[in-house]
Protein backbone atom coordinates (compact mmCIF):
# COMPACT_ATOMS: atom_id res chain seq x y z
CA MET A 1 -0.25 -0.01 0.17
CA LYS A 2 1.32 3.54 -0.91
CA SER A 3 2.01 5.91 1.77
CA ALA A 4 0.20 8.80 1.57
CA LEU A 5 3.62 11.05 1.35
CA THR A 6 4.27 9.32 -2.04
CA ILE A 7 0.59 9.65 -3.51
CA ALA A 8 1.33 13.56 -2.45
CA THR A 9 4.39 13.40 -4.18
CA ALA A 10 3.33 11.86 -7.41
CA LEU A 11 0.13 14.71 -7.62
CA VAL A 12 2.77 17.23 -7.33
CA ALA A 13 5.07 15.39 -10.29
CA THR A 14 1.80 15.24 -12.57
CA THR A 15 0.77 18.95 -11.46
CA SER A 16 4.15 20.01 -12.52
CA LEU A 17 4.28 18.57 -15.87
CA ALA A 18 0.62 19.74 -16.84
CA GLN A 19 2.40 23.44 -16.00
CA VAL A 20 5.20 22.58 -18.52
CA THR A 21 3.08 21.72 -21.28
CA PHE A 22 -0.48 23.48 -20.89
CA GLU A 23 -1.53 25.93 -23.87
CA ASN A 24 -5.06 27.01 -22.26
CA SER A 25 -4.07 30.38 -20.61
CA SER A 26 -7.14 29.99 -18.87
CA SER A 27 -6.25 26.95 -16.81
CA THR A 28 -3.56 28.95 -14.95
CA ILE A 29 -3.00 31.65 -12.44
CA LEU A 30 0.09 32.85 -13.73
CA ARG A 31 0.78 35.62 -15.48
CA THR A 32 0.94 34.74 -19.64
CA ASP A 33 2.26 36.42 -23.00
CA ASN A 34 -0.87 36.28 -25.08
CA GLY A 35 1.71 37.85 -27.88
CA THR A 36 -0.66 40.70 -28.33
CA TYR A 37 -0.66 44.52 -27.84
CA GLY A 38 -1.75 48.10 -29.74
CA ASP A 39 -4.64 48.29 -31.11
CA PRO A 40 -6.64 45.97 -32.96
CA ILE A 41 -5.63 44.21 -36.76
CA GLU A 42 -8.18 44.12 -38.99
CA GLU A 43 -8.14 41.46 -41.62
CA VAL A 44 -8.24 43.14 -44.84
CA HIS A 45 -7.85 40.57 -47.69
CA TYR A 46 -7.24 36.31 -47.67
CA TYR A 47 -4.91 35.04 -50.29
CA TYR A 48 -5.79 31.72 -51.37
CA ASP A 49 -3.58 31.05 -54.67
CA GLN A 50 -0.32 32.89 -54.47
CA LEU A 51 1.16 33.99 -51.65
CA PRO A 52 2.67 37.80 -51.55
CA ILE A 53 5.53 39.95 -51.21
CA GLY A 54 4.37 43.52 -51.34
CA LEU A 55 1.61 45.99 -51.64
CA SER A 56 0.07 49.52 -51.77
CA VAL A 57 -2.75 51.02 -50.99
CA ALA A 58 -4.20 54.10 -53.45
CA SER A 59 -6.57 57.00 -52.37
CA ASP A 60 -9.26 55.74 -53.69
CA GLY A 61 -9.12 52.62 -51.50
CA ARG A 62 -7.57 50.33 -54.07
CA ILE A 63 -4.79 47.80 -53.44
CA TRP A 64 -2.05 46.57 -56.03
CA THR A 65 -0.01 43.74 -55.04
CA CYS A 66 3.25 41.88 -55.80
CA TYR A 67 4.80 38.08 -55.85
CA THR A 68 8.19 37.72 -56.42
CA ARG A 69 8.58 34.45 -59.34
CA GLY A 70 9.09 31.27 -59.49
CA SER A 71 6.55 29.72 -61.21
CA TYR A 72 3.68 32.03 -60.31
CA GLU A 73 1.64 32.87 -63.00
CA TYR A 74 2.16 36.51 -62.40
CA THR A 75 4.22 39.06 -60.78
CA LEU A 76 1.64 42.17 -60.28
CA GLY A 77 -1.78 41.67 -59.52
CA ILE A 78 -4.74 44.22 -57.79
CA ILE A 79 -7.07 42.96 -55.06
CA VAL A 80 -10.57 42.09 -56.56
CA ASN A 81 -12.33 41.40 -53.55
CA LYS A 82 -11.89 39.99 -50.33
CA THR A 83 -10.30 36.52 -51.16
CA ALA A 84 -9.14 37.22 -54.77
CA GLU A 85 -6.36 39.18 -56.72
CA ALA A 86 -6.31 39.35 -60.66
CA PRO A 87 -3.11 40.17 -62.81
CA TRP A 88 -2.48 43.53 -63.36
CA PRO A 89 -2.63 45.42 -65.73
CA MET A 90 -5.09 43.73 -68.22
CA SER A 91 -3.61 46.36 -71.46
CA GLY A 92 -1.13 48.43 -72.26
CA PRO A 93 2.26 48.74 -72.83
CA ILE A 94 3.73 46.99 -69.72
CA GLN A 95 2.40 43.15 -69.28
CA ASN A 96 3.34 40.32 -67.00
CA LEU A 97 5.59 38.04 -68.70
CA PRO A 98 4.53 34.71 -68.64
CA PRO A 99 6.64 32.06 -66.72
CA SER A 100 8.16 30.72 -69.71
CA MET A 101 9.53 33.92 -70.48
CA ILE A 102 11.10 34.86 -67.52
CA ASN A 103 14.54 33.72 -68.02
CA THR A 104 17.10 32.82 -70.62
CA THR A 105 20.50 31.12 -70.61
CA PHE A 106 24.30 32.16 -71.90
CA ASN A 107 26.79 29.84 -72.32
CA GLY A 108 25.27 27.31 -69.37
CA ILE A 109 24.82 30.30 -66.88
CA PRO A 110 21.42 31.33 -66.14
CA PHE A 111 19.93 35.07 -66.60
CA GLY A 112 16.51 36.40 -66.16
CA SER A 113 14.82 38.21 -69.22
CA ALA A 114 15.72 41.52 -70.62
CA ASN A 115 12.45 42.25 -72.07
CA LYS A 116 12.12 46.20 -71.08
CA SER A 117 8.08 45.76 -71.24
CA GLY A 118 7.89 42.46 -69.26
CA LEU A 119 7.06 42.51 -66.02
CA ILE A 120 9.54 39.45 -64.85
CA SER A 121 9.94 39.50 -60.69
CA VAL A 122 8.12 42.50 -59.07
CA GLN A 123 9.74 42.59 -55.16
CA ALA A 124 8.15 46.25 -53.91
CA LEU A 125 5.22 48.52 -54.88
CA TYR A 126 5.04 52.53 -53.86
CA ILE A 127 2.29 54.94 -54.57
CA THR A 128 3.15 58.73 -54.61
CA PRO A 129 0.38 61.03 -54.39
CA GLN A 130 -0.61 63.17 -57.38
CA THR A 131 1.34 66.57 -57.71
CA ALA A 132 0.92 69.50 -60.11
CA ASN A 133 3.68 67.37 -62.54
CA ARG A 134 2.04 64.06 -61.77
CA PRO A 135 -0.42 61.86 -61.46
CA GLU A 136 -0.99 59.67 -58.65
CA THR A 137 1.46 56.85 -59.64
CA LEU A 138 1.89 53.55 -58.64
CA TRP A 139 5.66 52.66 -58.71
CA ALA A 140 7.13 48.68 -59.40
CA ILE A 141 10.65 47.82 -58.72
CA ASP A 142 11.19 45.05 -60.70
CA THR A 143 14.56 42.61 -59.79
CA GLY A 144 14.74 40.95 -63.09
CA ARG A 145 16.11 38.14 -61.16
CA PRO A 146 13.30 35.22 -60.81
CA THR A 147 14.13 31.79 -58.94
CA ILE A 148 13.94 29.01 -61.47
CA HIS A 149 14.20 25.33 -60.08
CA ASN A 150 15.98 22.53 -61.60
CA ALA A 151 14.96 19.02 -62.17
CA GLN A 152 15.34 17.94 -58.70
CA GLY A 153 13.61 20.59 -57.21
CA ASP A 154 16.94 22.65 -56.27
CA PRO A 155 16.43 26.81 -56.34
CA MET A 156 18.59 29.21 -58.28
CA GLU A 157 18.48 32.80 -58.35
CA VAL A 158 19.24 33.76 -61.82
CA TYR A 159 21.74 36.62 -62.58
CA GLY A 160 19.93 39.85 -64.00
CA GLN A 161 20.79 41.24 -67.34
CA PRO A 162 20.24 45.18 -68.56
CA GLY A 163 16.56 45.84 -69.52
CA GLY A 164 15.06 43.02 -67.34
CA PRO A 165 15.98 45.06 -64.01
CA LYS A 166 13.50 48.42 -64.00
CA LEU A 167 11.28 51.02 -62.39
CA ILE A 168 8.05 51.29 -64.12
CA GLY A 169 5.38 53.74 -63.39
CA PHE A 170 1.54 53.47 -63.99
CA ASN A 171 -0.56 56.47 -64.08
CA ILE A 172 -3.43 55.58 -61.58
CA THR A 173 -5.47 58.61 -61.12
CA GLY A 174 -9.25 57.70 -62.05
CA GLN A 175 -8.37 54.33 -62.58
CA ASN A 176 -6.42 55.34 -65.96
CA ASP A 177 -4.34 52.59 -65.10
CA THR A 178 -1.37 52.80 -67.88
CA ALA A 179 2.24 52.83 -67.77
CA TYR A 180 3.64 55.95 -68.42
CA GLU A 181 7.47 55.82 -67.45
CA THR A 182 10.12 53.36 -67.48
CA PHE A 183 13.51 53.42 -66.86
CA THR A 184 16.37 50.54 -66.78
CA PHE A 185 19.97 50.94 -64.82
CA PRO A 186 23.31 50.21 -66.52
CA SER A 187 25.58 47.16 -65.36
CA ASP A 188 28.14 49.29 -63.75
CA VAL A 189 24.70 50.43 -61.58
CA TYR A 190 22.80 47.36 -61.40
CA TYR A 191 25.26 44.69 -61.27
CA PRO A 192 24.28 40.69 -62.13
CA ASP A 193 23.78 40.01 -58.72
CA SER A 194 21.91 42.90 -57.85
CA TYR A 195 18.68 42.40 -56.25
CA PHE A 196 16.06 45.60 -55.74
CA ASN A 197 14.46 45.21 -52.66
CA ASP A 198 12.52 48.56 -51.63
CA LEU A 199 12.18 52.16 -52.78
CA ARG A 200 11.47 55.60 -51.96
CA PHE A 201 10.77 59.24 -53.89
CA ASP A 202 10.96 62.79 -53.47
CA LEU A 203 9.15 64.49 -56.05
CA ARG A 204 9.49 67.78 -54.80
CA PRO A 205 10.86 70.51 -57.95
CA ASP A 206 13.08 72.44 -55.88
CA THR A 207 15.02 68.96 -54.01
CA PRO A 208 18.74 70.06 -54.52
CA GLY A 209 20.97 68.19 -56.74
CA THR A 210 18.14 66.75 -59.10
CA SER A 211 17.04 67.91 -62.32
CA GLY A 212 13.37 68.93 -60.66
CA LYS A 213 11.18 66.06 -62.15
CA GLY A 214 11.74 64.04 -58.76
CA ILE A 215 14.13 61.27 -57.19
CA ALA A 216 13.86 57.65 -56.61
CA TYR A 217 16.03 56.11 -53.73
CA LEU A 218 16.27 52.27 -54.28
CA VAL A 219 17.67 49.48 -51.90
CA ASP A 220 20.09 46.83 -53.74
CA SER A 221 20.11 44.30 -50.83
CA SER A 222 22.23 41.82 -52.63
CA ASP A 223 22.72 38.06 -50.91
CA GLU A 224 25.96 37.64 -53.03
CA GLY A 225 27.43 40.93 -50.57
CA ARG A 226 27.29 43.99 -52.86
CA PRO A 227 24.16 45.86 -51.60
CA GLY A 228 24.03 49.66 -51.34
CA PHE A 229 21.47 52.33 -52.68
CA ILE A 230 21.01 53.55 -56.35
CA MET A 231 19.80 56.73 -56.86
CA LEU A 232 17.56 57.72 -60.10
CA ASP A 233 17.41 61.03 -61.34
CA LEU A 234 13.44 60.78 -62.57
CA GLY A 235 14.01 63.62 -65.20
CA THR A 236 17.34 62.41 -66.74
CA GLY A 237 17.61 58.59 -66.24
CA GLU A 238 20.58 59.00 -64.69
CA SER A 239 21.33 56.57 -61.63
CA TRP A 240 24.32 55.97 -59.92
CA ARG A 241 25.50 54.04 -56.24
CA ARG A 242 26.10 55.27 -52.93
CA LEU A 243 27.82 53.19 -49.56
CA SER A 244 28.19 49.62 -51.44
CA GLU A 245 29.32 47.47 -48.91
CA ASP A 246 29.74 49.81 -46.03
CA PRO A 247 29.65 47.72 -42.66
CA SER A 248 25.59 49.53 -41.82
CA VAL A 249 24.51 47.60 -45.62
CA LEU A 250 25.89 44.41 -45.31
CA ARG A 251 24.67 41.39 -43.75
CA VAL A 252 25.72 40.20 -39.93
CA ASN A 253 26.85 36.79 -41.13
CA TRP A 254 25.69 33.56 -39.26
CA ASN A 255 22.93 35.49 -37.49
CA VAL A 256 20.39 32.82 -36.06
CA PRO A 257 17.02 34.81 -35.60
CA SER A 258 14.08 32.81 -34.34
CA TYR A 259 10.20 32.99 -35.65
CA GLN A 260 7.23 31.21 -33.96
CA GLY A 261 10.03 30.61 -30.77
CA ARG A 262 12.23 27.94 -32.95
CA PRO A 263 15.92 28.72 -34.45
CA PHE A 264 15.89 29.13 -38.30
CA TYR A 265 18.62 28.30 -40.33
CA TYR A 266 18.20 29.01 -43.93
CA GLU A 267 18.32 25.42 -46.16
CA PRO A 268 18.06 25.50 -49.53
CA LYS A 269 17.45 22.20 -51.23
CA GLY A 270 20.73 20.60 -52.70
CA MET A 271 23.09 23.48 -50.86
CA PRO A 272 24.47 23.01 -47.43
CA ILE A 273 22.80 24.48 -44.46
CA ASN A 274 23.54 27.97 -43.76
CA THR A 275 21.85 31.72 -42.31
CA LEU A 276 20.18 34.55 -43.92
CA ARG A 277 22.64 36.49 -45.95
CA GLU A 278 20.18 39.11 -47.05
CA GLY A 279 22.13 43.07 -46.18
CA LEU A 280 20.41 46.37 -46.76
CA ASP A 281 16.62 46.28 -46.57
CA GLY A 282 14.10 48.13 -44.83
CA ILE A 283 14.19 51.94 -46.33
CA GLN A 284 12.17 55.27 -44.98
CA ILE A 285 12.65 58.74 -45.95
CA SER A 286 11.71 61.37 -43.08
CA PRO A 287 8.45 63.58 -43.87
CA ASP A 288 11.09 66.21 -45.01
CA GLY A 289 13.37 64.54 -46.91
CA SER A 290 16.13 65.32 -45.76
CA ARG A 291 17.20 62.00 -44.36
CA ILE A 292 17.02 58.19 -45.25
CA TYR A 293 16.91 55.27 -42.60
CA TYR A 294 17.67 51.80 -43.26
CA SER A 295 19.24 48.90 -42.47
CA PRO A 296 20.22 44.91 -43.30
CA LEU A 297 17.71 42.58 -42.51
CA THR A 298 20.07 40.30 -40.69
CA SER A 299 20.74 43.32 -37.89
CA THR A 300 19.69 44.41 -35.10
CA TYR A 301 20.77 48.08 -35.67
CA LEU A 302 18.93 51.15 -37.12
CA TYR A 303 21.16 53.70 -39.51
CA SER A 304 20.44 56.86 -41.03
CA ILE A 305 22.25 58.99 -43.65
CA PRO A 306 21.45 62.81 -45.22
CA THR A 307 19.62 62.39 -48.77
CA THR A 308 22.09 65.14 -49.94
CA ASN A 309 24.87 62.47 -49.48
CA LEU A 310 23.08 60.17 -50.96
CA ARG A 311 21.91 62.30 -54.09
CA ALA A 312 26.02 63.73 -54.73
CA ARG A 313 26.84 62.41 -58.23
CA ASN A 314 30.16 60.73 -58.81
CA SER A 315 31.22 63.73 -60.75
CA ASP A 316 31.97 65.05 -57.01
CA PRO A 317 35.16 63.40 -55.74
CA LEU A 318 34.53 63.16 -52.20
CA ALA A 319 30.87 62.22 -52.81
CA GLU A 320 31.74 58.95 -51.77
CA LEU A 321 33.86 59.22 -48.52
CA ALA A 322 31.36 62.16 -47.53
CA ALA A 323 28.49 59.41 -47.40
CA HIS A 324 30.46 57.52 -45.40
CA SER A 325 31.31 60.18 -42.97
CA ASN A 326 27.95 61.31 -42.58
CA ILE A 327 26.28 57.81 -41.28
CA SER A 328 24.39 58.06 -38.26
CA SER A 329 23.53 54.86 -36.34
CA HIS A 330 20.32 55.05 -34.00
CA GLY A 331 21.58 51.63 -31.85
CA GLN A 332 19.83 48.48 -31.38
CA ARG A 333 15.91 48.41 -32.10
CA GLY A 334 15.05 45.18 -30.44
CA ALA A 335 15.67 42.72 -33.19
CA ASP A 336 15.82 41.93 -36.95
CA ALA A 337 13.65 44.09 -39.01
CA ASN A 338 12.49 43.52 -42.83
CA GLY A 339 10.42 46.42 -44.63
CA PHE A 340 9.86 50.14 -43.26
CA GLU A 341 7.15 52.59 -43.57
CA GLY A 342 6.74 55.97 -42.32
CA ASP A 343 4.32 58.62 -41.45
CA ASN A 344 4.00 62.39 -41.84
CA GLN A 345 4.73 62.86 -37.96
CA GLY A 346 8.37 61.15 -38.46
CA ARG A 347 7.87 57.76 -37.14
CA VAL A 348 10.25 55.00 -38.93
CA TYR A 349 8.08 52.17 -38.68
CA MET A 350 9.90 48.57 -39.00
CA LEU A 351 8.35 45.10 -39.88
CA MET A 352 9.46 43.10 -37.00
CA PRO A 353 9.71 39.27 -38.44
CA THR A 354 10.84 37.43 -35.35
CA GLU A 355 8.21 39.49 -33.38
CA ASN A 356 5.08 39.29 -34.92
CA GLY A 357 4.98 42.59 -35.12
CA VAL A 358 5.69 46.23 -35.80
CA PHE A 359 8.23 48.40 -34.21
CA TYR A 360 8.74 52.41 -34.55
CA TYR A 361 11.64 54.83 -34.23
CA ASP A 362 10.57 58.14 -33.13
CA PRO A 363 13.70 60.79 -33.47
CA GLY A 364 11.62 62.97 -31.06
CA ASP A 365 12.52 60.65 -28.34
CA LEU A 366 15.27 58.90 -30.00
CA GLN A 367 13.71 55.33 -29.16
CA THR A 368 12.14 52.53 -30.50
CA HIS A 369 8.96 51.63 -29.65
CA GLY A 370 5.78 48.98 -30.33
CA PHE A 371 2.98 49.74 -32.83
CA VAL A 372 1.42 46.71 -32.75
CA ARG A 373 1.69 42.70 -31.94
CA ASP A 374 -0.23 39.55 -32.91
CA PRO A 375 0.50 35.93 -33.84
CA ARG A 376 -1.01 36.86 -37.36
CA ILE A 377 1.26 39.16 -38.31
CA LEU A 378 3.63 36.08 -39.84
CA TRP A 379 7.07 37.75 -41.27
CA PRO A 380 5.36 41.13 -42.45
CA ASP A 381 7.27 41.86 -45.69
CA SER A 382 5.53 45.30 -46.84
CA ALA A 383 3.57 48.00 -45.42
CA SER A 384 1.75 50.69 -46.76
CA VAL A 385 0.72 53.99 -45.03
CA ALA A 386 -2.53 54.69 -46.83
CA GLU A 387 -4.57 57.98 -46.97
CA ASP A 388 -7.54 56.48 -44.96
CA GLY A 389 -5.25 57.00 -41.97
CA TYR A 390 -4.55 52.82 -41.71
CA PHE A 391 -1.16 51.16 -41.55
CA TYR A 392 -1.45 47.84 -44.13
CA MET A 393 0.95 45.22 -44.18
CA THR A 394 0.79 41.92 -45.76
CA ALA A 395 1.42 38.13 -43.61
CA THR A 396 3.63 36.03 -45.65
CA GLN A 397 4.26 33.53 -43.56
CA LEU A 398 8.18 33.50 -46.08
CA PHE A 399 10.43 31.83 -42.93
CA ASP A 400 8.20 28.50 -44.22
CA GLN A 401 8.62 28.83 -47.60
CA PRO A 402 10.06 25.98 -48.86
CA ASP A 403 12.74 27.63 -51.11
CA TRP A 404 14.71 28.40 -47.67
CA ASN A 405 13.38 24.87 -45.89
CA ASN A 406 14.61 22.02 -48.11
CA GLY A 407 11.99 21.87 -50.01
CA THR A 408 9.35 21.30 -47.47
CA ASP A 409 6.37 24.03 -47.70
CA GLY A 410 5.12 24.81 -44.07
CA ARG A 411 2.86 28.03 -45.03
CA MET A 412 -0.70 27.62 -44.57
CA LYS A 413 -3.04 29.43 -46.69
CA PRO A 414 -4.70 31.91 -46.42
CA GLY A 415 -1.83 34.55 -46.55
CA ALA A 416 -3.33 38.07 -45.36
CA ILE A 417 -3.11 41.73 -45.53
CA LEU A 418 -3.64 43.10 -42.29
CA ARG A 419 -3.98 46.59 -41.01
CA ALA A 420 -3.75 48.61 -37.83
CA LYS A 421 -4.73 52.31 -37.02
CA LEU A 422 -2.26 55.04 -37.46
CA PRO A 423 -1.59 56.74 -33.70
CA ASP A 424 -2.39 60.20 -33.17
CA GLY A 425 -4.54 61.09 -36.39
CA ALA A 426 -0.89 60.49 -38.17
CA GLY A 427 -1.09 60.03 -42.11
CA LYS A 428 0.67 59.64 -45.73
CA ILE A 429 4.03 61.40 -46.38
CA HIS A 430 3.74 63.62 -49.28
CA LEU A 431 6.96 64.99 -51.30
CA GLY A 432 6.06 66.27 -53.95
């Protein structure tokens, strides 16, 4: 017969085991983390077909979305209802290329297409408001570097060639929906191993160092190790690089983040296990256009630089030295960050895949703060501050994609567009 002490000890052990494995916080008197803070998150759209990368929201409420390719049928689309998207544009000089036409081969080396009028692999979108000189414009940045797979299913990101990587401006005022401007880049600005990742604009005619037609600040995140900024004068089409391979834009080697509480290693099928290698990623311009905030994906630090240093041309022999000398570090921000956005009160929003949330840096108090956190925010990759006063973001589950996990797809459909109300009546930045 068991003693009372033996029975009591067994009960304690059983209770302890249950406490370790419980998932229902209502059954404990202990403090728990419910995984949320900030204003309630609203579910705007569900992706049941292709899973997204980017989005941008127009003043009339329409939402565009993009997808990196791959095998996907199209790379630029528009939301048509709560559960469906469609290829976009449906007509005009710029069209989505079919998957069979997005890459080619030279001497056995795979390259992306050089088609200047075909959309190959659109990585990011941004909408600029209507100005005196430009319509409301949807800007799409095409990397020209789709991912292809060999017969064994091993992924390979092909090289870019001139003509394929491009920036396209679509007139969306009054649902015109026509491409009116296309810019391509020479091979000494956009290298074969470059990778466009994000973009911001200053369309003011009096911006120093420009032709008066506006300037685009573009991110080259180059997994192969040559990241930096690319600037484009929208009046002349001239482009140039700055801060290439500066320590502030380089990836942090052997960085092991955790997603949903699990340490993550990069395991492309057919290759050795590694860690994520992406450098410069997030970018945001200040409301007055004087400063660009940025960081690599695999870094916990936030940096900025005066835009005047990025606009300086190579004809200035001190341009690169001055740019390197004028970088500001704003310290650590709590975790790795992906895409950025900003509001007209100066907040720099940073998408935080490891935190299932969004932080923001406040230049007023020089600190990083939490904006929203929610278990549904699974790898927020792109964001858009809209005219309606909401912050929109994609939930992509990118960490579970098969190309990063030895061919195993751990994502669960649907993907989503989520939104949260901006604080303090904040809104979209207008620089035009």
